[in-house]
Amino acid sequence: LFLAQEGKAGYLEINLAPSGAQWSQSFSGPRQVGPGGPDCFAIGGATNSAQIWDDRWSLHFELPLREPLREAILLNVTAIINHAADLQYLSWLNLHAVKPDFHRPHEFLPIVLKKY
């Protein structure tokens, strides 16, 4: 999962696994580790859970907001699947790259977050 705020160069990468493990990293620019990811999220409060079946898995992920949103949130959902030594790279967006590269924040698309 890749998240960015409109008008900012940085972004946040969040990796989630069916085991419930999660990892995150803030980037100041494409593949540049450092501060600069969206500061509106309370990443320390993130939770996830998974259900695993023989032929699929499902993931539930919650990422609380630290503050009200002022800019649009940009997003890309990605996956790397290793099935029988055959790597498959999946992206919600049609990224314009010759080789698989999910670190393209300028191509992330805005999403609408609604308060319920």
Protein backbone atom coordinates (compact mmCIF):
# COMPACT_ATOMS: atom_id res chain seq x y z
CA LEU A 1 0.00 0.00 0.00
CA PHE A 2 1.42 3.41 -0.98
CA LEU A 3 -0.02 6.65 0.43
CA ALA A 4 0.85 10.28 -0.28
CA GLN A 5 -0.69 13.71 0.29
CA GLU A 6 -1.42 15.94 -2.68
CA GLY A 7 1.19 18.65 -3.11
CA LYS A 8 3.91 16.84 -1.11
CA ALA A 9 6.86 14.93 -2.55
CA GLY A 10 7.02 12.30 0.21
CA TYR A 11 4.99 9.15 0.59
CA LEU A 12 4.47 6.18 2.88
CA GLU A 13 4.88 2.51 1.97
CA ILE A 14 3.03 -0.04 4.12
CA ASN A 15 3.64 -3.75 3.63
CA LEU A 16 1.05 -6.18 4.98
CA ALA A 17 1.21 -9.98 5.15
CA PRO A 18 -1.38 -12.71 5.62
CA SER A 19 0.38 -13.58 8.89
CA GLY A 20 -0.68 -10.21 10.30
CA ALA A 21 2.85 -8.80 10.10
CA GLN A 22 3.21 -5.22 8.92
CA TRP A 23 6.08 -2.91 8.07
CA SER A 24 6.16 0.73 7.01
CA GLN A 25 8.70 3.20 5.70
CA SER A 26 8.51 6.92 4.98
CA PHE A 27 10.12 8.28 1.82
CA SER A 28 11.03 11.89 1.03
CA GLY A 29 10.97 11.14 -2.72
CA PRO A 30 11.02 8.12 -5.04
CA ARG A 31 13.11 5.45 -3.27
CA GLN A 32 14.66 8.10 -0.96
CA VAL A 33 14.25 6.85 2.61
CA GLY A 34 13.58 9.70 5.00
CA PRO A 35 10.92 11.93 6.48
CA GLY A 36 8.32 13.29 4.14
CA GLY A 37 5.48 10.78 4.10
CA PRO A 38 1.94 11.88 4.96
CA ASP A 39 1.92 13.16 8.54
CA CYS A 40 -1.86 12.89 8.86
CA PHE A 41 -1.75 9.17 9.66
CA ALA A 42 -1.04 7.66 13.09
CA ILE A 43 0.99 4.72 11.76
CA GLY A 44 1.66 3.48 15.31
CA GLY A 45 -2.08 2.91 15.73
CA ALA A 46 -2.44 0.79 12.58
CA THR A 47 -4.00 -2.64 12.97
CA ASN A 48 -4.64 -5.52 10.60
CA SER A 49 -6.04 -9.00 10.63
CA ALA A 50 -6.22 -11.70 8.00
CA GLN A 51 -8.26 -14.74 7.08
CA ILE A 52 -6.52 -17.50 5.16
CA TRP A 53 -8.21 -20.19 3.06
CA ASP A 54 -6.69 -22.88 0.84
CA ASP A 55 -7.02 -20.79 -2.32
CA ARG A 56 -7.06 -17.16 -1.12
CA TRP A 57 -6.66 -14.77 1.76
CA SER A 58 -8.41 -11.62 2.91
CA LEU A 59 -6.95 -8.71 4.84
CA HIS A 60 -8.59 -6.04 6.99
CA PHE A 61 -6.42 -2.96 7.66
CA GLU A 62 -7.14 0.17 9.71
CA LEU A 63 -4.96 3.26 9.72
CA PRO A 64 -6.22 6.02 12.01
CA LEU A 65 -5.96 9.70 11.13
CA ARG A 66 -3.87 11.86 13.43
CA GLU A 67 -5.53 15.05 12.23
CA PRO A 68 -8.32 16.11 9.86
CA LEU A 69 -7.42 15.87 6.19
CA ARG A 70 -6.56 19.13 4.47
CA GLU A 71 -5.19 17.76 1.21
CA ALA A 72 -6.31 14.88 -0.98
CA ILE A 73 -4.84 11.47 -0.20
CA LEU A 74 -3.16 9.73 -3.13
CA LEU A 75 -3.01 5.93 -3.23
CA ASN A 76 -1.76 2.85 -4.98
CA VAL A 77 -2.47 -0.71 -3.89
CA THR A 78 0.16 -3.23 -4.96
CA ALA A 79 1.17 -6.84 -4.42
CA ILE A 80 4.09 -9.09 -5.19
CA ILE A 81 3.03 -12.72 -5.37
CA ASN A 82 5.54 -15.56 -5.40
CA HIS A 83 3.72 -18.61 -6.71
CA ALA A 84 5.82 -21.65 -7.61
CA ALA A 85 8.92 -19.46 -8.10
CA ASP A 86 7.00 -17.26 -10.55
CA LEU A 87 6.97 -13.65 -9.31
CA GLN A 88 3.90 -11.65 -10.24
CA TYR A 89 3.78 -7.86 -9.77
CA LEU A 90 0.29 -6.42 -9.38
CA SER A 91 -0.76 -2.77 -9.22
CA TRP A 92 -4.15 -1.09 -8.94
CA LEU A 93 -2.76 1.67 -11.18
CA ASN A 94 -1.38 1.29 -14.66
CA LEU A 95 2.14 2.45 -13.83
CA HIS A 96 4.20 3.74 -16.72
CA ALA A 97 7.41 1.82 -16.07
CA VAL A 98 9.28 -0.74 -18.14
CA LYS A 99 10.28 -2.80 -15.07
CA PRO A 100 8.02 -3.24 -12.02
CA ASP A 101 8.44 -0.10 -9.90
CA PHE A 102 5.78 0.84 -7.36
CA HIS A 103 7.74 3.89 -6.10
CA ARG A 104 6.08 6.37 -8.47
CA PRO A 105 4.17 8.81 -6.23
CA HIS A 106 3.56 11.20 -9.13
CA GLU A 107 1.29 8.48 -10.59
CA PHE A 108 -0.73 7.72 -7.44
CA LEU A 109 -4.43 8.57 -7.75
CA PRO A 110 -6.62 10.51 -5.28
CA ILE A 111 -9.15 8.67 -3.16
CA VAL A 112 -12.15 9.96 -1.26
CA LEU A 113 -12.18 9.32 2.48
CA LYS A 114 -15.58 9.61 4.06
CA LYS A 115 -16.33 9.96 7.75
CA TYR A 116 -19.07 7.62 8.97
